[in-house]
Amino acid sequence: MNRLAIPVGIFRIDRHGIVQCHVSVVDGVRARSSTVGRNFYEDIAPCTNCPNFRGRVDRLLRDKGGSLHFGFRLREPWRTAQIDVRIFSSDADHAWILLTCPELVTDIPAVLTPDAESRV
């Protein structure tokens, strides 16, 4: 078996932080979220409204795209967790944010891994 970190959430935001798309994956259940249309930094994850998170996203959008990868301590009223953050953008108007929590790890069969063909 291989280990796979499960994404906690995938968000598409505009340059103002308004969520345009959100898919949550927790405990293996995918669900479309009611966060669409809300502000990611103010309504969804206020702890990300800081230079270490929002500042990085804003710089990426000002640069008209690119990608970022960094760790961030997510502090919410119900828990604190170290998360892995990946942000992708191809323009100055939108960014995709992928949040992964290393604490949520699952075993996956080798047949589902990218290099499974080399072992068949």
Protein backbone atom coordinates (compact mmCIF):
# COMPACT_ATOMS: atom_id res chain seq x y z
CA MET A 1 0.00 0.00 0.00
CA ASN A 2 1.03 3.59 -0.61
CA ARG A 3 0.09 6.63 1.45
CA LEU A 4 -1.97 9.47 -0.05
CA ALA A 5 -2.80 12.77 1.62
CA ILE A 6 -6.45 13.63 1.17
CA PRO A 7 -7.25 17.20 0.12
CA VAL A 8 -9.25 19.04 2.75
CA GLY A 9 -10.51 21.50 0.22
CA ILE A 10 -10.10 22.82 -3.28
CA PHE A 11 -11.15 26.42 -3.82
CA ARG A 12 -11.24 28.67 -6.87
CA ILE A 13 -11.24 32.31 -5.84
CA ASP A 14 -11.26 35.56 -7.75
CA ARG A 15 -8.78 38.38 -7.07
CA HIS A 16 -11.04 39.73 -4.31
CA GLY A 17 -11.15 36.39 -2.50
CA ILE A 18 -14.70 35.47 -3.52
CA VAL A 19 -15.11 31.70 -3.79
CA GLN A 20 -16.27 30.67 -7.25
CA CYS A 21 -15.93 26.94 -6.81
CA HIS A 22 -15.29 24.71 -3.80
CA VAL A 23 -15.08 20.98 -3.42
CA SER A 24 -14.49 19.51 0.02
CA VAL A 25 -12.99 16.09 0.51
CA VAL A 26 -13.07 14.90 4.11
CA ASP A 27 -13.21 11.30 5.26
CA GLY A 28 -13.49 10.17 1.64
CA VAL A 29 -16.76 12.01 1.06
CA ARG A 30 -16.92 14.59 -1.71
CA ALA A 31 -19.43 17.37 -1.31
CA ARG A 32 -20.17 20.62 -3.10
CA SER A 33 -19.98 23.40 -0.61
CA SER A 34 -22.25 26.31 0.25
CA THR A 35 -19.19 28.57 0.35
CA VAL A 36 -19.59 29.70 -3.28
CA GLY A 37 -20.09 33.46 -3.39
CA ARG A 38 -18.57 34.03 0.04
CA ASN A 39 -15.22 35.65 0.83
CA PHE A 40 -12.54 33.03 1.48
CA TYR A 41 -10.44 35.33 3.71
CA GLU A 42 -13.25 36.87 5.74
CA ASP A 43 -16.01 34.24 5.87
CA ILE A 44 -14.44 30.84 5.24
CA ALA A 45 -10.94 30.89 6.74
CA PRO A 46 -10.32 34.20 8.54
CA CYS A 47 -6.95 32.96 9.82
CA THR A 48 -5.69 33.11 6.20
CA ASN A 49 -6.32 36.87 6.01
CA CYS A 50 -2.68 37.62 6.81
CA PRO A 51 0.50 38.45 4.87
CA ASN A 52 1.78 34.88 5.17
CA PHE A 53 -1.21 33.51 3.23
CA ARG A 54 -3.29 36.23 1.54
CA GLY A 55 -0.21 38.31 0.88
CA ARG A 56 1.33 35.44 -1.08
CA VAL A 57 -1.84 34.89 -3.11
CA ASP A 58 -2.14 38.61 -3.86
CA ARG A 59 1.50 38.73 -5.07
CA LEU A 60 0.90 35.69 -7.28
CA LEU A 61 -2.13 37.36 -8.87
CA ARG A 62 -0.26 40.66 -9.30
CA ASP A 63 2.44 38.70 -11.14
CA LYS A 64 -0.34 37.38 -13.43
CA GLY A 65 0.05 33.74 -12.49
CA GLY A 66 2.37 31.02 -11.32
CA SER A 67 2.34 28.53 -8.49
CA LEU A 68 3.15 28.43 -4.80
CA HIS A 69 3.71 25.65 -2.29
CA PHE A 70 4.07 26.31 1.44
CA GLY A 71 3.07 25.10 4.88
CA PHE A 72 0.60 27.03 6.99
CA ARG A 73 -0.84 26.65 10.49
CA LEU A 74 -4.62 26.74 10.08
CA ARG A 75 -6.25 28.03 13.25
CA GLU A 76 -9.98 27.53 13.49
CA PRO A 77 -12.18 27.63 16.60
CA TRP A 78 -12.56 23.83 16.60
CA ARG A 79 -8.91 22.89 15.88
CA THR A 80 -5.45 23.90 14.82
CA ALA A 81 -3.71 21.95 12.07
CA GLN A 82 -0.56 22.26 10.01
CA ILE A 83 -1.66 22.18 6.37
CA ASP A 84 0.09 21.96 3.04
CA VAL A 85 -0.95 24.76 0.66
CA ARG A 86 -0.64 24.70 -3.12
CA ILE A 87 -1.84 27.66 -5.14
CA PHE A 88 -2.04 27.81 -8.92
CA SER A 89 -2.98 30.69 -11.19
CA SER A 90 -2.64 31.35 -14.91
CA ASP A 91 -3.83 34.96 -14.84
CA ALA A 92 -4.41 37.98 -12.59
CA ASP A 93 -8.08 37.23 -11.99
CA HIS A 94 -8.34 33.74 -10.42
CA ALA A 95 -6.43 31.31 -8.25
CA TRP A 96 -6.93 27.66 -7.34
CA ILE A 97 -6.13 26.84 -3.72
CA LEU A 98 -5.54 23.22 -2.72
CA LEU A 99 -5.36 22.61 1.02
CA THR A 100 -4.07 19.25 2.21
CA CYS A 101 -3.87 18.13 5.80
CA PRO A 102 -1.07 15.57 6.35
CA GLU A 103 -3.00 14.33 9.40
CA LEU A 104 -5.63 12.93 7.02
CA VAL A 105 -3.77 10.14 5.27
CA THR A 106 -5.20 7.03 3.71
CA ASP A 107 -3.84 3.79 2.29
CA ILE A 108 -4.43 3.33 -1.42
CA PRO A 109 -3.85 0.20 -3.49
CA ALA A 110 -0.75 0.18 -5.66
CA VAL A 111 -2.91 -0.14 -8.78
CA LEU A 112 -4.06 3.46 -8.27
CA THR A 113 -0.60 4.99 -8.05
CA PRO A 114 1.05 6.68 -11.07
CA ASP A 115 3.86 4.11 -11.28
CA ALA A 116 1.57 1.05 -10.94
CA GLU A 117 2.11 0.11 -14.61
CA SER A 118 5.81 -0.45 -14.01
CA ARG A 119 4.96 -3.09 -11.37
CA VAL A 120 2.40 -5.05 -13.39
